[in-house]
């Protein structure tokens, strides 16, 4: 995948975030997500901050949601296993909407050979945990990326549950 394709995908996610207009953005540092994270860190009227671990982000995001704040989280799929217990025993069980933009790793364009061990299993893991997710990858036309970000966020509110948007920024 060329840098321009990766930039275009990141830009579509950024445009979706802008449409959501979150007041808070939680994120884990990531070289794959750097353009998106840099954008939210520089965004006016937004408190963007790194979280130390995915499961701590679940609790923080739940608290923000319960306080009525517009908040999202940005993580990588290789950390999904870390947050499952927190996610399924709190926001899933108590119907707290949450929205996660999740960078998919592994597959075409992946340079880290160990990442495939967990990343290739993320979708079956989410299915088994009954966590709703949507996907954005090379099979989805670019003009649908930004609207899908906002629709997935709205779906989390409509259904009162966590929703993950799996985005492939690296290829495939």
Protein backbone atom coordinates (compact mmCIF):
# COMPACT_ATOMS: atom_id res chain seq x y z
CA UNK A 1 0.00 0.00 0.00
CA UNK A 2 1.33 3.43 -0.86
CA UNK A 3 1.64 6.25 1.64
CA UNK A 4 -0.99 8.20 -0.28
CA UNK A 5 -3.52 5.35 0.15
CA UNK A 6 -2.75 5.14 3.86
CA UNK A 7 -3.03 8.94 4.11
CA UNK A 8 -6.39 8.84 2.29
CA UNK A 9 -7.73 6.21 4.68
CA UNK A 10 -6.49 8.15 7.71
CA UNK A 11 -8.05 11.34 6.32
CA UNK A 12 -11.42 9.58 5.94
CA UNK A 13 -11.27 8.48 9.59
CA UNK A 14 -10.31 12.01 10.66
CA UNK A 15 -13.26 13.41 8.70
CA UNK A 16 -15.54 10.96 10.48
CA UNK A 17 -14.16 12.01 13.86
CA UNK A 18 -14.76 15.64 12.92
CA UNK A 19 -18.40 14.81 12.09
CA UNK A 20 -18.81 13.08 15.47
CA UNK A 21 -17.20 16.10 17.20
CA UNK A 22 -16.04 14.32 20.37
CA UNK A 23 -15.15 16.33 23.46
CA UNK A 24 -12.83 13.54 24.68
CA UNK A 25 -10.61 11.16 22.72
CA UNK A 26 -8.76 8.38 24.51
CA UNK A 27 -5.96 6.66 22.63
CA UNK A 28 -3.04 4.31 22.89
CA UNK A 29 0.16 5.44 21.20
CA UNK A 30 0.52 3.80 17.78
CA UNK A 31 2.71 4.39 14.75
CA UNK A 32 -0.09 3.06 12.55
CA UNK A 33 -2.55 5.61 13.93
CA UNK A 34 -0.11 8.53 14.24
CA UNK A 35 -1.84 10.81 11.72
CA UNK A 36 -5.21 10.34 13.40
CA UNK A 37 -3.82 10.69 16.92
CA UNK A 38 -1.81 13.79 15.97
CA UNK A 39 -5.00 15.31 14.57
CA UNK A 40 -7.10 14.71 17.69
CA UNK A 41 -4.27 15.93 19.93
CA UNK A 42 -4.24 19.23 18.01
CA UNK A 43 -8.03 19.50 17.76
CA UNK A 44 -9.59 22.57 19.39
CA UNK A 45 -12.13 22.01 22.17
CA UNK A 46 -11.09 18.37 22.53
CA UNK A 47 -9.35 16.74 25.43
CA UNK A 48 -7.25 13.97 23.91
CA UNK A 49 -5.09 11.84 26.14
CA UNK A 50 -3.21 8.56 26.07
CA UNK A 51 -4.38 5.65 28.16
CA UNK A 52 -1.90 3.22 29.69
CA UNK A 53 -3.87 0.06 28.86
CA UNK A 54 -6.98 -0.80 26.88
CA UNK A 55 -9.01 -2.04 29.86
CA UNK A 56 -8.39 1.20 31.74
CA UNK A 57 -9.74 3.03 28.71
CA UNK A 58 -12.97 1.01 28.98
CA UNK A 59 -13.57 2.34 32.48
CA UNK A 60 -12.65 5.92 31.62
CA UNK A 61 -14.80 5.88 28.49
CA UNK A 62 -17.72 4.41 30.45
CA UNK A 63 -17.42 7.17 33.04
CA UNK A 64 -17.40 9.85 30.35
CA UNK A 65 -20.44 8.28 28.69
CA UNK A 66 -22.33 8.10 32.00
CA UNK A 67 -21.53 11.78 32.56
CA UNK A 68 -23.06 12.60 29.18
CA UNK A 69 -19.80 13.46 27.43
CA UNK A 70 -19.23 12.80 23.74
CA UNK A 71 -16.17 10.52 23.81
CA UNK A 72 -14.41 7.94 21.65
CA UNK A 73 -11.40 5.67 21.98
CA UNK A 74 -8.71 4.86 19.42
CA UNK A 75 -6.77 1.59 19.87
CA UNK A 76 -5.15 -1.23 17.91
CA UNK A 77 -6.71 -4.65 17.51
CA UNK A 78 -3.72 -6.40 19.09
CA UNK A 79 -4.99 -4.99 22.41
CA UNK A 80 -8.56 -6.30 22.12
CA UNK A 81 -7.78 -9.25 24.37
CA UNK A 82 -6.70 -6.83 27.09
CA UNK A 83 -10.06 -5.06 27.25
CA UNK A 84 -12.52 -7.93 26.87
CA UNK A 85 -13.23 -8.63 30.54
CA UNK A 86 -13.70 -4.94 31.34
CA UNK A 87 -15.86 -4.44 28.24
CA UNK A 88 -18.15 -7.43 28.74
CA UNK A 89 -18.64 -7.00 32.50
CA UNK A 90 -19.32 -3.26 32.51
CA UNK A 91 -20.47 -1.43 29.35
CA UNK A 92 -21.93 -4.52 27.65
CA UNK A 93 -23.65 -5.73 30.80
CA UNK A 94 -25.01 -2.29 31.70
CA UNK A 95 -25.84 -1.09 28.18
CA UNK A 96 -23.38 1.80 28.11
CA UNK A 97 -22.69 3.00 24.57
CA UNK A 98 -19.03 3.22 23.64
CA UNK A 99 -17.29 3.79 20.32
CA UNK A 100 -13.87 2.45 19.44
CA UNK A 101 -11.88 3.12 16.30
CA UNK A 102 -9.66 0.05 16.10
CA UNK A 103 -6.69 -0.13 13.78
CA UNK A 104 -6.41 -3.58 12.26
CA UNK A 105 -2.93 -5.03 12.16
CA UNK A 106 -1.75 -8.15 10.37
CA UNK A 107 -2.55 -9.11 6.83
CA UNK A 108 -1.25 -7.41 3.74
CA UNK A 109 1.32 -4.74 4.47
CA UNK A 110 2.09 -5.91 8.02
CA UNK A 111 5.79 -5.64 8.87
CA UNK A 112 5.69 -7.09 12.40
CA UNK A 113 5.70 -10.88 12.19
CA UNK A 114 4.48 -11.50 15.76
CA UNK A 115 1.36 -9.36 15.35
CA UNK A 116 -0.46 -12.02 13.28
CA UNK A 117 -0.80 -14.31 16.32
CA UNK A 118 -3.62 -12.25 17.86
CA UNK A 119 -4.74 -9.96 15.05
CA UNK A 120 -5.93 -12.73 12.76
CA UNK A 121 -8.26 -13.90 15.54
CA UNK A 122 -9.78 -10.57 16.57
CA UNK A 123 -13.02 -10.90 14.60
CA UNK A 124 -13.84 -14.41 15.91
CA UNK A 125 -12.98 -13.19 19.42
CA UNK A 126 -15.36 -10.23 19.09
CA UNK A 127 -18.03 -12.53 17.65
CA UNK A 128 -17.65 -14.94 20.58
CA UNK A 129 -17.93 -12.05 23.05
CA UNK A 130 -20.99 -10.70 21.18
CA UNK A 131 -19.29 -7.32 20.63
CA UNK A 132 -20.64 -5.54 17.54
CA UNK A 133 -18.13 -4.35 14.98
CA UNK A 134 -18.02 -2.93 11.48
CA UNK A 135 -15.08 -3.05 9.05
CA UNK A 136 -13.37 -0.59 6.79
CA UNK A 137 -10.77 -2.05 4.44
CA UNK A 138 -9.90 -2.22 0.76
CA UNK A 139 -13.25 -3.83 -0.05
CA UNK A 140 -15.11 -0.72 1.06
CA UNK A 141 -15.08 2.21 -1.40
CA UNK A 142 -13.34 5.28 0.02
CA UNK A 143 -16.44 7.43 -0.30
CA UNK A 144 -18.13 5.16 2.28
CA UNK A 145 -15.38 5.40 4.91
CA UNK A 146 -16.31 8.73 6.52
CA UNK A 147 -20.08 8.06 6.62
CA UNK A 148 -19.39 4.61 8.11
CA UNK A 149 -17.45 6.21 10.97
CA UNK A 150 -20.40 8.40 11.90
CA UNK A 151 -22.99 5.65 11.35
CA UNK A 152 -21.04 3.24 13.59
CA UNK A 153 -20.85 5.90 16.31
CA UNK A 154 -24.60 6.56 16.02
CA UNK A 155 -25.26 2.81 16.10
CA UNK A 156 -23.51 2.58 19.49
CA UNK A 157 -25.91 5.21 20.82
CA UNK A 158 -28.98 3.65 19.24
CA UNK A 159 -28.22 0.18 20.60
CA UNK A 160 -26.73 1.30 23.95
CA UNK A 161 -23.69 -0.90 23.60
CA UNK A 162 -20.03 -0.79 22.68
CA UNK A 163 -19.30 -0.75 18.96
CA UNK A 164 -15.93 -1.19 17.33
CA UNK A 165 -14.97 0.08 13.91
CA UNK A 166 -12.13 -2.08 12.59
CA UNK A 167 -10.11 0.01 10.15
CA UNK A 168 -7.29 -1.26 7.98
CA UNK A 169 -4.90 1.64 7.41
CA UNK A 170 -2.00 -0.54 6.26
CA UNK A 171 -3.36 -2.34 3.20
CA UNK A 172 -5.88 -4.98 2.35
